[in-house]
Amino acid sequence: MLIDFHSHFIPGAFPALPAGIEEPAWPRLELDGEGHGTMFVGARKFRAFDDIYWDVGRRLAVMDAAGLDMQAISPLPETLSYWLDARAAVVLTDAMNEACARMVAQAPQRLKGFGAVALQDPAAAMRQVADVAQMPGMVGIFVGSHVNGKSIASPEFHPVFEAAEKAGLLVFVHGIKPGILGKVEGPPLLEAILGIPQENTLALASFISTDILGKFPGLKLVFSHGGGTIGSVIDRMTLVWEKFPDMRTTIKIPPLEYARRFWYDTVVFSPEYLGYLVGRLGADRIVAGTDGPTEIGQTNLGGFIAATGINAADRKRIGGGNALGLFARA
């Protein structure tokens, strides 16, 4: 079985902005009637999309062609809405969750879903966690690396993670709005290419340094893009933990050991690096993913995993077994 844990969707239509709420960044989708749509954020054109993002029939056909047995769909990171008026964000993310659940309901054996929560309003987000937990086929919540500059590991958001733990929902973390914006020379795309993985690393390290699993031992955290650059800094982090007592005030076990308690996807684009992560973090902690349907997603997922040279049992775990285990516990 081959399961794509990391694939995005947008709804075929965004809801209308509720009366009485001013929100200049409200999204809308304009369809051309030929299987394409253009998303606008307020008056600004964001980008064009193919209907695979919202049409389940199209998605299943593409999955079949790619040899994918199952796919977990999560909101496009740009729709997480932390930067919106909180009231507007709740309306939008509620609608996104309902759209996701409807997509999953059309193919419950092939699709699983992740919901979004308006983390700038933790009380509302807790209510949304409860709602998502009641939606068939929804296995978790999809969260960004920070909320308007505040780390996702901040105590302010702990009640939301406690609610997710109690509800048995997975938490899938994705880098958003990189802090390096404006600090990189070259083509504008470089900021996202470099910054999104770094955002994952910052979130992951913050969860370790604040002992998130000591507080919520049943919480299942999954990090996109292989945890970002954690593979290149985890040994440095562990060495400093060993040398400086201050590091051990909140981190009670070596950072590498702690990192092995999370899960990571395979969207790293290098089979050699994926093989390294398998060796460092464990084959039981890796789930397959494409980051599709975007044009910069990982293609030939089965071939990519096989190219690492890892053994057949580990390929089976990464290809689908680990994801099935996570879904079963959700």
C-alpha atoms as a PDB file:
ATOM      1  CA  MET A   1       0.000   0.000   0.000  1.00  0.00           C
ATOM      2  CA  LEU A   2       1.240   3.486  -0.886  1.00  0.00           C
ATOM      3  CA  ILE A   3      -0.208   6.390   1.119  1.00  0.00           C
ATOM      4  CA  ASP A   4       0.421  10.055   0.401  1.00  0.00           C
ATOM      5  CA  PHE A   5       0.277  11.758   3.803  1.00  0.00           C
ATOM      6  CA  HIS A   6       0.991  15.277   2.485  1.00  0.00           C
ATOM      7  CA  SER A   7      -1.323  16.603  -0.217  1.00  0.00           C
ATOM      8  CA  HIS A   8      -3.278  19.848  -0.311  1.00  0.00           C
ATOM      9  CA  PHE A   9      -6.779  20.927  -1.304  1.00  0.00           C
ATOM     10  CA  ILE A  10      -8.813  24.078  -1.659  1.00  0.00           C
ATOM     11  CA  PRO A  11     -12.616  24.134  -1.812  1.00  0.00           C
ATOM     12  CA  GLY A  12     -14.394  24.664  -5.102  1.00  0.00           C
ATOM     13  CA  ALA A  13     -15.806  27.883  -3.619  1.00  0.00           C
ATOM     14  CA  PHE A  14     -14.978  29.999  -0.602  1.00  0.00           C
ATOM     15  CA  PRO A  15     -17.822  31.286   1.587  1.00  0.00           C
ATOM     16  CA  ALA A  16     -18.972  34.878   1.418  1.00  0.00           C
ATOM     17  CA  LEU A  17     -17.486  37.263   3.949  1.00  0.00           C
ATOM     18  CA  PRO A  18     -20.079  37.636   6.726  1.00  0.00           C
ATOM     19  CA  ALA A  19     -21.819  40.965   7.003  1.00  0.00           C
ATOM     20  CA  GLY A  20     -20.340  43.290   9.578  1.00  0.00           C
ATOM     21  CA  ILE A  21     -16.785  41.942   9.297  1.00  0.00           C
ATOM     22  CA  GLU A  22     -14.106  43.963   7.527  1.00  0.00           C
ATOM     23  CA  GLU A  23     -11.421  41.706   6.069  1.00  0.00           C
ATOM     24  CA  PRO A  24      -9.431  42.946   3.053  1.00  0.00           C
ATOM     25  CA  ALA A  25      -7.571  39.625   2.678  1.00  0.00           C
ATOM     26  CA  TRP A  26     -10.694  37.467   2.244  1.00  0.00           C
ATOM     27  CA  PRO A  27     -10.130  34.802  -0.447  1.00  0.00           C
ATOM     28  CA  ARG A  28     -12.308  33.954  -3.425  1.00  0.00           C
ATOM     29  CA  LEU A  29     -12.026  31.503  -6.309  1.00  0.00           C
ATOM     30  CA  GLU A  30     -13.039  32.373  -9.850  1.00  0.00           C
ATOM     31  CA  LEU A  31     -13.711  29.289 -12.017  1.00  0.00           C
ATOM     32  CA  ASP A  32     -13.339  29.325 -15.795  1.00  0.00           C
ATOM     33  CA  GLY A  33     -15.719  26.405 -16.461  1.00  0.00           C
ATOM     34  CA  GLU A  34     -12.924  24.357 -18.025  1.00  0.00           C
ATOM     35  CA  GLY A  35     -11.419  22.723 -14.961  1.00  0.00           C
ATOM     36  CA  HIS A  36      -9.367  25.654 -13.733  1.00  0.00           C
ATOM     37  CA  GLY A  37      -9.757  28.431 -11.225  1.00  0.00           C
ATOM     38  CA  THR A  38      -7.938  31.544 -10.105  1.00  0.00           C
ATOM     39  CA  MET A  39      -7.679  32.329  -6.415  1.00  0.00           C
ATOM     40  CA  PHE A  40      -7.699  35.947  -5.280  1.00  0.00           C
ATOM     41  CA  VAL A  41      -6.801  37.257  -1.848  1.00  0.00           C
ATOM     42  CA  GLY A  42      -8.833  40.415  -1.611  1.00  0.00           C
ATOM     43  CA  ALA A  43      -8.105  42.240  -4.859  1.00  0.00           C
ATOM     44  CA  ARG A  44      -4.731  40.516  -5.348  1.00  0.00           C
ATOM     45  CA  LYS A  45      -4.407  37.572  -7.713  1.00  0.00           C
ATOM     46  CA  PHE A  46      -2.766  34.735  -5.784  1.00  0.00           C
ATOM     47  CA  ARG A  47      -2.407  31.921  -8.317  1.00  0.00           C
ATOM     48  CA  ALA A  48      -4.205  29.578 -10.700  1.00  0.00           C
ATOM     49  CA  PHE A  49      -5.330  26.087  -9.723  1.00  0.00           C
ATOM     50  CA  ASP A  50      -6.358  22.923 -11.520  1.00  0.00           C
ATOM     51  CA  ASP A  51      -9.614  21.331 -10.381  1.00  0.00           C
ATOM     52  CA  ILE A  52      -7.742  18.376  -8.884  1.00  0.00           C
ATOM     53  CA  TYR A  53      -7.580  20.602  -5.785  1.00  0.00           C
ATOM     54  CA  TRP A  54     -11.357  20.305  -5.218  1.00  0.00           C
ATOM     55  CA  ASP A  55     -12.696  17.672  -7.653  1.00  0.00           C
ATOM     56  CA  VAL A  56     -12.550  14.248  -5.995  1.00  0.00           C
ATOM     57  CA  GLY A  57     -13.040  12.352  -9.263  1.00  0.00           C
ATOM     58  CA  ARG A  58     -10.063  14.100 -10.827  1.00  0.00           C
ATOM     59  CA  ARG A  59      -7.988  13.542  -7.696  1.00  0.00           C
ATOM     60  CA  LEU A  60      -8.737   9.818  -7.630  1.00  0.00           C
ATOM     61  CA  ALA A  61      -7.823   9.473 -11.307  1.00  0.00           C
ATOM     62  CA  VAL A  62      -4.474  11.162 -10.689  1.00  0.00           C
ATOM     63  CA  MET A  63      -3.917   9.010  -7.618  1.00  0.00           C
ATOM     64  CA  ASP A  64      -4.596   5.879  -9.663  1.00  0.00           C
ATOM     65  CA  ALA A  65      -2.126   6.976 -12.326  1.00  0.00           C
ATOM     66  CA  ALA A  66       0.500   7.599  -9.631  1.00  0.00           C
ATOM     67  CA  GLY A  67      -0.111   4.269  -7.885  1.00  0.00           C
ATOM     68  CA  LEU A  68      -1.440   5.892  -4.708  1.00  0.00           C
ATOM     69  CA  ASP A  69      -3.853   3.811  -2.657  1.00  0.00           C
ATOM     70  CA  MET A  70      -4.770   6.523  -0.173  1.00  0.00           C
ATOM     71  CA  GLN A  71      -4.163  10.208   0.377  1.00  0.00           C
ATOM     72  CA  ALA A  72      -4.490  12.539   3.355  1.00  0.00           C
ATOM     73  CA  ILE A  73      -5.576  16.006   2.253  1.00  0.00           C
ATOM     74  CA  SER A  74      -4.791  19.160   4.199  1.00  0.00           C
ATOM     75  CA  PRO A  75      -5.597  22.828   3.595  1.00  0.00           C
ATOM     76  CA  LEU A  76      -3.298  24.893   1.440  1.00  0.00           C
ATOM     77  CA  PRO A  77      -0.997  26.605   3.988  1.00  0.00           C
ATOM     78  CA  GLU A  78      -1.967  30.000   2.578  1.00  0.00           C
ATOM     79  CA  THR A  79      -5.555  29.394   3.758  1.00  0.00           C
ATOM     80  CA  LEU A  80      -4.754  28.756   7.434  1.00  0.00           C
ATOM     81  CA  SER A  81      -5.925  32.345   8.047  1.00  0.00           C
ATOM     82  CA  TYR A  82      -4.066  33.228  11.255  1.00  0.00           C
ATOM     83  CA  TRP A  83      -3.519  36.714   9.794  1.00  0.00           C
ATOM     84  CA  LEU A  84      -7.219  37.404   9.299  1.00  0.00           C
ATOM     85  CA  ASP A  85      -9.651  39.030  11.690  1.00  0.00           C
ATOM     86  CA  ALA A  86     -10.336  36.202  14.151  1.00  0.00           C
ATOM     87  CA  ARG A  87     -14.070  36.200  13.444  1.00  0.00           C
ATOM     88  CA  ALA A  88     -13.424  35.952   9.726  1.00  0.00           C
ATOM     89  CA  ALA A  89     -10.835  33.221  10.253  1.00  0.00           C
ATOM     90  CA  VAL A  90     -13.306  31.070  12.179  1.00  0.00           C
ATOM     91  CA  VAL A  91     -15.891  31.360   9.401  1.00  0.00           C
ATOM     92  CA  LEU A  92     -13.332  30.535   6.713  1.00  0.00           C
ATOM     93  CA  THR A  93     -11.690  27.600   8.504  1.00  0.00           C
ATOM     94  CA  ASP A  94     -15.071  26.134   9.492  1.00  0.00           C
ATOM     95  CA  ALA A  95     -16.039  26.208   5.813  1.00  0.00           C
ATOM     96  CA  MET A  96     -12.683  24.667   4.818  1.00  0.00           C
ATOM     97  CA  ASN A  97     -13.201  21.834   7.304  1.00  0.00           C
ATOM     98  CA  GLU A  98     -16.683  21.124   6.025  1.00  0.00           C
ATOM     99  CA  ALA A  99     -15.413  21.122   2.439  1.00  0.00           C
ATOM    100  CA  CYS A 100     -12.630  18.722   3.368  1.00  0.00           C
ATOM    101  CA  ALA A 101     -15.053  16.377   5.121  1.00  0.00           C
ATOM    102  CA  ARG A 102     -17.336  16.386   2.064  1.00  0.00           C
ATOM    103  CA  MET A 103     -14.407  15.450  -0.180  1.00  0.00           C
ATOM    104  CA  VAL A 104     -13.391  12.620   2.153  1.00  0.00           C
ATOM    105  CA  ALA A 105     -17.001  11.368   2.288  1.00  0.00           C
ATOM    106  CA  GLN A 106     -16.980  10.908  -1.482  1.00  0.00           C
ATOM    107  CA  ALA A 107     -14.135   8.380  -1.249  1.00  0.00           C
ATOM    108  CA  PRO A 108     -13.772   7.281   2.381  1.00  0.00           C
ATOM    109  CA  GLN A 109     -11.567   4.310   1.516  1.00  0.00           C
ATOM    110  CA  ARG A 110      -9.149   6.510  -0.425  1.00  0.00           C
ATOM    111  CA  LEU A 111      -9.105   9.870   1.365  1.00  0.00           C
ATOM    112  CA  LYS A 112      -8.456  11.121   4.898  1.00  0.00           C
ATOM    113  CA  GLY A 113      -8.637  14.754   5.955  1.00  0.00           C
ATOM    114  CA  PHE A 114      -6.930  17.350   8.130  1.00  0.00           C
ATOM    115  CA  GLY A 115      -8.848  20.349   9.416  1.00  0.00           C
ATOM    116  CA  ALA A 116      -7.726  23.917  10.078  1.00  0.00           C
ATOM    117  CA  VAL A 117      -8.262  25.868  13.297  1.00  0.00           C
ATOM    118  CA  ALA A 118      -8.179  29.626  13.942  1.00  0.00           C
ATOM    119  CA  LEU A 119      -5.256  29.605  16.348  1.00  0.00           C
ATOM    120  CA  GLN A 120      -5.284  33.384  16.840  1.00  0.00           C
ATOM    121  CA  ASP A 121      -8.400  32.636  18.931  1.00  0.00           C
ATOM    122  CA  PRO A 122      -7.464  29.556  21.006  1.00  0.00           C
ATOM    123  CA  ALA A 123     -10.935  29.225  22.526  1.00  0.00           C
ATOM    124  CA  ALA A 124     -12.509  29.098  19.065  1.00  0.00           C
ATOM    125  CA  ALA A 125      -9.783  26.728  17.912  1.00  0.00           C
ATOM    126  CA  MET A 126     -10.620  24.332  20.742  1.00  0.00           C
ATOM    127  CA  ARG A 127     -14.241  24.284  19.602  1.00  0.00           C
ATOM    128  CA  GLN A 128     -13.064  23.582  16.069  1.00  0.00           C
ATOM    129  CA  VAL A 129     -10.924  20.680  17.285  1.00  0.00           C
ATOM    130  CA  ALA A 130     -14.044  19.131  18.796  1.00  0.00           C
ATOM    131  CA  ASP A 131     -15.950  19.692  15.553  1.00  0.00           C
ATOM    132  CA  VAL A 132     -13.223  18.120  13.408  1.00  0.00           C
ATOM    133  CA  ALA A 133     -13.097  15.100  15.717  1.00  0.00           C
ATOM    134  CA  GLN A 134     -16.776  14.464  14.970  1.00  0.00           C
ATOM    135  CA  MET A 135     -16.360  14.550  11.184  1.00  0.00           C
ATOM    136  CA  PRO A 136     -15.970  11.058   9.668  1.00  0.00           C
ATOM    137  CA  GLY A 137     -12.644  10.536   7.952  1.00  0.00           C
ATOM    138  CA  MET A 138     -10.974  13.561   9.517  1.00  0.00           C
ATOM    139  CA  VAL A 139      -7.807  12.380  11.265  1.00  0.00           C
ATOM    140  CA  GLY A 140      -6.198  15.555  12.542  1.00  0.00           C
ATOM    141  CA  ILE A 141      -5.552  19.267  12.387  1.00  0.00           C
ATOM    142  CA  PHE A 142      -3.092  21.042  10.117  1.00  0.00           C
ATOM    143  CA  VAL A 143      -1.179  23.896  11.756  1.00  0.00           C
ATOM    144  CA  GLY A 144       1.414  26.450  10.701  1.00  0.00           C
ATOM    145  CA  SER A 145       4.819  26.935  12.326  1.00  0.00           C
ATOM    146  CA  HIS A 146       3.865  30.221  13.984  1.00  0.00           C
ATOM    147  CA  VAL A 147       0.841  32.404  14.547  1.00  0.00           C
ATOM    148  CA  ASN A 148       1.638  35.942  13.429  1.00  0.00           C
ATOM    149  CA  GLY A 149       5.204  35.591  14.664  1.00  0.00           C
ATOM    150  CA  LYS A 150       4.444  33.672  17.871  1.00  0.00           C
ATOM    151  CA  SER A 151       5.858  30.141  17.963  1.00  0.00           C
ATOM    152  CA  ILE A 152       3.351  27.346  17.633  1.00  0.00           C
ATOM    153  CA  ALA A 153       4.988  25.907  20.772  1.00  0.00           C
ATOM    154  CA  SER A 154       3.938  28.913  22.871  1.00  0.00           C
ATOM    155  CA  PRO A 155       1.936  28.024  26.020  1.00  0.00           C
ATOM    156  CA  GLU A 156      -0.900  30.129  24.600  1.00  0.00           C
ATOM    157  CA  PHE A 157      -1.681  27.265  22.218  1.00  0.00           C
ATOM    158  CA  HIS A 158      -1.314  24.407  24.691  1.00  0.00           C
ATOM    159  CA  PRO A 159      -5.065  24.150  25.341  1.00  0.00           C
ATOM    160  CA  VAL A 160      -5.565  23.458  21.626  1.00  0.00           C
ATOM    161  CA  PHE A 161      -2.973  20.687  21.667  1.00  0.00           C
ATOM    162  CA  GLU A 162      -4.487  19.270  24.840  1.00  0.00           C
ATOM    163  CA  ALA A 163      -7.852  19.203  23.078  1.00  0.00           C
ATOM    164  CA  ALA A 164      -6.315  17.474  20.055  1.00  0.00           C
ATOM    165  CA  GLU A 165      -4.661  14.899  22.309  1.00  0.00           C
ATOM    166  CA  LYS A 166      -7.917  14.150  24.115  1.00  0.00           C
ATOM    167  CA  ALA A 167      -9.799  13.911  20.817  1.00  0.00           C
ATOM    168  CA  GLY A 168      -7.204  11.537  19.381  1.00  0.00           C
ATOM    169  CA  LEU A 169      -6.396  13.870  16.486  1.00  0.00           C
ATOM    170  CA  LEU A 170      -3.011  14.035  14.790  1.00  0.00           C
ATOM    171  CA  VAL A 171      -1.283  17.412  14.512  1.00  0.00           C
ATOM    172  CA  PHE A 172       0.454  17.979  11.165  1.00  0.00           C
ATOM    173  CA  VAL A 173       2.896  20.924  11.210  1.00  0.00           C
ATOM    174  CA  HIS A 174       3.857  22.936   8.122  1.00  0.00           C
ATOM    175  CA  GLY A 175       6.113  25.974   7.806  1.00  0.00           C
ATOM    176  CA  ILE A 176       4.348  29.220   6.866  1.00  0.00           C
ATOM    177  CA  LYS A 177       5.268  32.864   6.230  1.00  0.00           C
ATOM    178  CA  PRO A 178       9.044  32.473   6.710  1.00  0.00           C
ATOM    179  CA  GLY A 179      10.819  34.866   9.035  1.00  0.00           C
ATOM    180  CA  ILE A 180      13.570  35.325   6.459  1.00  0.00           C
ATOM    181  CA  LEU A 181      11.268  37.326   4.168  1.00  0.00           C
ATOM    182  CA  GLY A 182      13.144  40.370   2.913  1.00  0.00           C
ATOM    183  CA  LYS A 183      16.521  38.934   3.924  1.00  0.00           C
ATOM    184  CA  VAL A 184      17.318  36.806   0.871  1.00  0.00           C
ATOM    185  CA  GLU A 185      18.873  38.105  -2.328  1.00  0.00           C
ATOM    186  CA  GLY A 186      17.827  36.579  -5.623  1.00  0.00           C
ATOM    187  CA  PRO A 187      14.546  35.342  -7.119  1.00  0.00           C
ATOM    188  CA  PRO A 188      11.578  35.823  -4.754  1.00  0.00           C
ATOM    189  CA  LEU A 189      10.869  32.079  -4.712  1.00  0.00           C
ATOM    190  CA  LEU A 190      14.102  31.529  -2.782  1.00  0.00           C
ATOM    191  CA  GLU A 191      12.485  32.898   0.354  1.00  0.00           C
ATOM    192  CA  ALA A 192       9.915  30.100   0.383  1.00  0.00           C
ATOM    193  CA  ILE A 193      12.364  27.438  -0.820  1.00  0.00           C
ATOM    194  CA  LEU A 194      14.715  28.186   2.058  1.00  0.00           C
ATOM    195  CA  GLY A 195      12.293  29.556   4.612  1.00  0.00           C
ATOM    196  CA  ILE A 196       9.545  26.929   4.772  1.00  0.00           C
ATOM    197  CA  PRO A 197      11.933  24.120   5.870  1.00  0.00           C
ATOM    198  CA  GLN A 198      13.563  26.468   8.369  1.00  0.00           C
ATOM    199  CA  GLU A 199      10.156  27.275   9.832  1.00  0.00           C
ATOM    200  CA  ASN A 200       9.537  23.557  10.352  1.00  0.00           C
ATOM    201  CA  THR A 201      12.879  23.307  12.159  1.00  0.00           C
ATOM    202  CA  LEU A 202      12.103  26.212  14.469  1.00  0.00           C
ATOM    203  CA  ALA A 203       8.737  24.742  15.403  1.00  0.00           C
ATOM    204  CA  LEU A 204      10.184  21.284  15.964  1.00  0.00           C
ATOM    205  CA  ALA A 205      13.075  22.540  18.112  1.00  0.00           C
ATOM    206  CA  SER A 206      10.675  24.690  20.134  1.00  0.00           C
ATOM    207  CA  PHE A 207       8.452  21.696  20.825  1.00  0.00           C
ATOM    208  CA  ILE A 208      11.495  19.783  22.033  1.00  0.00           C
ATOM    209  CA  SER A 209      12.848  22.623  24.187  1.00  0.00           C
ATOM    210  CA  THR A 210       9.478  23.182  25.863  1.00  0.00           C
ATOM    211  CA  ASP A 211       8.886  19.426  26.373  1.00  0.00           C
ATOM    212  CA  ILE A 212       5.536  19.299  24.611  1.00  0.00           C
ATOM    213  CA  LEU A 213       5.263  15.533  25.046  1.00  0.00           C
ATOM    214  CA  GLY A 214       5.958  15.814  28.747  1.00  0.00           C
ATOM    215  CA  LYS A 215       2.814  17.912  28.950  1.00  0.00           C
ATOM    216  CA  PHE A 216       0.752  15.936  26.438  1.00  0.00           C
ATOM    217  CA  PRO A 217       2.263  12.448  26.161  1.00  0.00           C
ATOM    218  CA  GLY A 218      -0.480  11.181  23.862  1.00  0.00           C
ATOM    219  CA  LEU A 219      -0.048  13.972  21.301  1.00  0.00           C
ATOM    220  CA  LYS A 220       0.958  12.757  17.828  1.00  0.00           C
ATOM    221  CA  LEU A 221       3.013  15.437  16.038  1.00  0.00           C
ATOM    222  CA  VAL A 222       3.950  14.999  12.377  1.00  0.00           C
ATOM    223  CA  PHE A 223       6.322  17.436  10.655  1.00  0.00           C
ATOM    224  CA  SER A 224       6.220  18.179   6.944  1.00  0.00           C
ATOM    225  CA  HIS A 225       9.272  18.319   4.680  1.00  0.00           C
ATOM    226  CA  GLY A 226      11.205  15.870   6.811  1.00  0.00           C
ATOM    227  CA  GLY A 227      11.218  18.262   9.749  1.00  0.00           C
ATOM    228  CA  GLY A 228      12.959  20.898   7.649  1.00  0.00           C
ATOM    229  CA  THR A 229      16.652  21.197   8.416  1.00  0.00           C
ATOM    230  CA  ILE A 230      16.482  19.290  11.697  1.00  0.00           C
ATOM    231  CA  GLY A 231      18.689  16.525  10.275  1.00  0.00           C
ATOM    232  CA  SER A 232      21.585  18.952   9.907  1.00  0.00           C
ATOM    233  CA  VAL A 233      21.277  20.588  13.353  1.00  0.00           C
ATOM    234  CA  ILE A 234      20.035  17.863  15.707  1.00  0.00           C
ATOM    235  CA  ASP A 235      23.546  16.635  16.553  1.00  0.00           C
ATOM    236  CA  ARG A 236      24.698  20.209  17.252  1.00  0.00           C
ATOM    237  CA  MET A 237      21.648  20.661  19.462  1.00  0.00           C
ATOM    238  CA  THR A 238      22.428  17.418  21.297  1.00  0.00           C
ATOM    239  CA  LEU A 239      26.080  18.388  21.834  1.00  0.00           C
ATOM    240  CA  VAL A 240      25.092  21.747  23.320  1.00  0.00           C
ATOM    241  CA  TRP A 241      22.509  19.968  25.502  1.00  0.00           C
ATOM    242  CA  GLU A 242      25.318  17.782  26.859  1.00  0.00           C
ATOM    243  CA  LYS A 243      27.726  20.684  27.452  1.00  0.00           C
ATOM    244  CA  PHE A 244      25.434  23.363  28.935  1.00  0.00           C
ATOM    245  CA  PRO A 245      23.283  22.626  32.013  1.00  0.00           C
ATOM    246  CA  ASP A 246      20.821  25.390  31.098  1.00  0.00           C
ATOM    247  CA  MET A 247      19.729  23.316  28.110  1.00  0.00           C
ATOM    248  CA  ARG A 248      18.706  20.495  30.431  1.00  0.00           C
ATOM    249  CA  THR A 249      16.309  22.527  32.565  1.00  0.00           C
ATOM    250  CA  THR A 250      13.395  21.805  30.243  1.00  0.00           C
ATOM    251  CA  ILE A 251      14.879  19.190  27.894  1.00  0.00           C
ATOM    252  CA  LYS A 252      15.195  16.089  30.055  1.00  0.00           C
ATOM    253  CA  ILE A 253      16.383  13.684  27.361  1.00  0.00           C
ATOM    254  CA  PRO A 254      18.874  14.166  24.517  1.00  0.00           C
ATOM    255  CA  PRO A 255      17.322  16.163  21.654  1.00  0.00           C
ATOM    256  CA  LEU A 256      17.977  13.394  19.133  1.00  0.00           C
ATOM    257  CA  GLU A 257      16.125  10.930  21.340  1.00  0.00           C
ATOM    258  CA  TYR A 258      13.270  13.424  21.693  1.00  0.00           C
ATOM    259  CA  ALA A 259      13.126  13.992  17.937  1.00  0.00           C
ATOM    260  CA  ARG A 260      12.593  10.253  17.495  1.00  0.00           C
ATOM    261  CA  ARG A 261       9.248  10.615  19.277  1.00  0.00           C
ATOM    262  CA  PHE A 262       7.779  12.694  16.433  1.00  0.00           C
ATOM    263  CA  TRP A 263       6.895  11.700  12.853  1.00  0.00           C
ATOM    264  CA  TYR A 264       8.187  13.163   9.580  1.00  0.00           C
ATOM    265  CA  ASP A 265       7.174  13.039   5.939  1.00  0.00           C
ATOM    266  CA  THR A 266       9.389  12.156   2.982  1.00  0.00           C
ATOM    267  CA  VAL A 267       9.048  15.449   1.103  1.00  0.00           C
ATOM    268  CA  VAL A 268      12.780  16.203   1.035  1.00  0.00           C
ATOM    269  CA  PHE A 269      13.429  15.593  -2.713  1.00  0.00           C
ATOM    270  CA  SER A 270      16.691  13.693  -2.171  1.00  0.00           C
ATOM    271  CA  PRO A 271      16.627   9.907  -1.675  1.00  0.00           C
ATOM    272  CA  GLU A 272      20.088  10.131  -0.127  1.00  0.00           C
ATOM    273  CA  TYR A 273      18.884  12.610   2.478  1.00  0.00           C
ATOM    274  CA  LEU A 274      15.740  10.587   3.110  1.00  0.00           C
ATOM    275  CA  GLY A 275      17.941   7.551   3.713  1.00  0.00           C
ATOM    276  CA  TYR A 276      19.929   9.610   6.224  1.00  0.00           C
ATOM    277  CA  LEU A 277      16.749  10.624   8.062  1.00  0.00           C
ATOM    278  CA  VAL A 278      15.606   7.015   8.188  1.00  0.00           C
ATOM    279  CA  GLY A 279      18.915   6.083   9.811  1.00  0.00           C
ATOM    280  CA  ARG A 280      18.854   8.930  12.315  1.00  0.00           C
ATOM    281  CA  LEU A 281      15.158   9.088  13.214  1.00  0.00           C
ATOM    282  CA  GLY A 282      13.952   5.547  12.504  1.00  0.00           C
ATOM    283  CA  ALA A 283      11.958   3.973   9.687  1.00  0.00           C
ATOM    284  CA  ASP A 284       8.963   3.750  12.022  1.00  0.00           C
ATOM    285  CA  ARG A 285       8.858   7.560  12.226  1.00  0.00           C
ATOM    286  CA  ILE A 286       8.623   8.405   8.517  1.00  0.00           C
ATOM    287  CA  VAL A 287       5.468   8.699   6.395  1.00  0.00           C
ATOM    288  CA  ALA A 288       5.370   9.083   2.626  1.00  0.00           C
ATOM    289  CA  GLY A 289       4.231  12.358   1.102  1.00  0.00           C
ATOM    290  CA  THR A 290       4.209  14.293  -2.148  1.00  0.00           C
ATOM    291  CA  ASP A 291       3.250  17.885  -1.254  1.00  0.00           C
ATOM    292  CA  GLY A 292       0.980  17.639  -4.284  1.00  0.00           C
ATOM    293  CA  PRO A 293      -0.855  18.583  -6.353  1.00  0.00           C
ATOM    294  CA  THR A 294       1.513  21.549  -6.646  1.00  0.00           C
ATOM    295  CA  GLU A 295       3.942  21.491  -9.547  1.00  0.00           C
ATOM    296  CA  ILE A 296       6.865  21.355  -7.110  1.00  0.00           C
ATOM    297  CA  GLY A 297       5.593  18.220  -5.390  1.00  0.00           C
ATOM    298  CA  GLN A 298       7.472  14.921  -5.141  1.00  0.00           C
ATOM    299  CA  THR A 299       6.595  12.659  -8.075  1.00  0.00           C
ATOM    300  CA  ASN A 300       7.012   8.866  -8.401  1.00  0.00           C
ATOM    301  CA  LEU A 301       6.630   8.409  -4.661  1.00  0.00           C
ATOM    302  CA  GLY A 302       7.255   4.660  -4.610  1.00  0.00           C
ATOM    303  CA  GLY A 303      10.335   4.987  -6.785  1.00  0.00           C
ATOM    304  CA  PHE A 304      11.640   7.831  -4.659  1.00  0.00           C
ATOM    305  CA  ILE A 305      11.418   5.741  -1.480  1.00  0.00           C
ATOM    306  CA  ALA A 306      13.000   2.744  -3.207  1.00  0.00           C
ATOM    307  CA  ALA A 307      15.907   4.901  -4.416  1.00  0.00           C
ATOM    308  CA  THR A 308      17.048   5.340  -0.799  1.00  0.00           C
ATOM    309  CA  GLY A 309      18.283   1.747  -0.853  1.00  0.00           C
ATOM    310  CA  ILE A 310      16.578   0.916   2.443  1.00  0.00           C
ATOM    311  CA  ASN A 311      15.304  -2.620   2.954  1.00  0.00           C
ATOM    312  CA  ALA A 312      11.900  -3.854   1.826  1.00  0.00           C
ATOM    313  CA  ALA A 313      10.415  -3.966   5.332  1.00  0.00           C
ATOM    314  CA  ASP A 314      11.313  -0.330   5.949  1.00  0.00           C
ATOM    315  CA  ARG A 315       9.998   0.689   2.530  1.00  0.00           C
ATOM    316  CA  LYS A 316       6.696  -0.959   3.434  1.00  0.00           C
ATOM    317  CA  ARG A 317       6.534   0.912   6.741  1.00  0.00           C
ATOM    318  CA  ILE A 318       7.306   4.268   5.145  1.00  0.00           C
ATOM    319  CA  GLY A 319       5.162   3.708   2.068  1.00  0.00           C
ATOM    320  CA  GLY A 320       1.989   3.099   4.033  1.00  0.00           C
ATOM    321  CA  GLY A 321       2.296   1.102   7.236  1.00  0.00           C
ATOM    322  CA  ASN A 322       3.245   4.020   9.475  1.00  0.00           C
ATOM    323  CA  ALA A 323       0.454   6.218   8.108  1.00  0.00           C
ATOM    324  CA  LEU A 324      -2.106   3.465   8.614  1.00  0.00           C
ATOM    325  CA  GLY A 325      -0.933   3.135  12.197  1.00  0.00           C
ATOM    326  CA  LEU A 326      -1.345   6.851  12.788  1.00  0.00           C
ATOM    327  CA  PHE A 327      -4.793   6.894  11.174  1.00  0.00           C
ATOM    328  CA  ALA A 328      -5.867   3.923  13.293  1.00  0.00           C
ATOM    329  CA  ARG A 329      -4.941   5.766  16.477  1.00  0.00           C
ATOM    330  CA  ALA A 330      -6.654   8.959  15.343  1.00  0.00           C
END
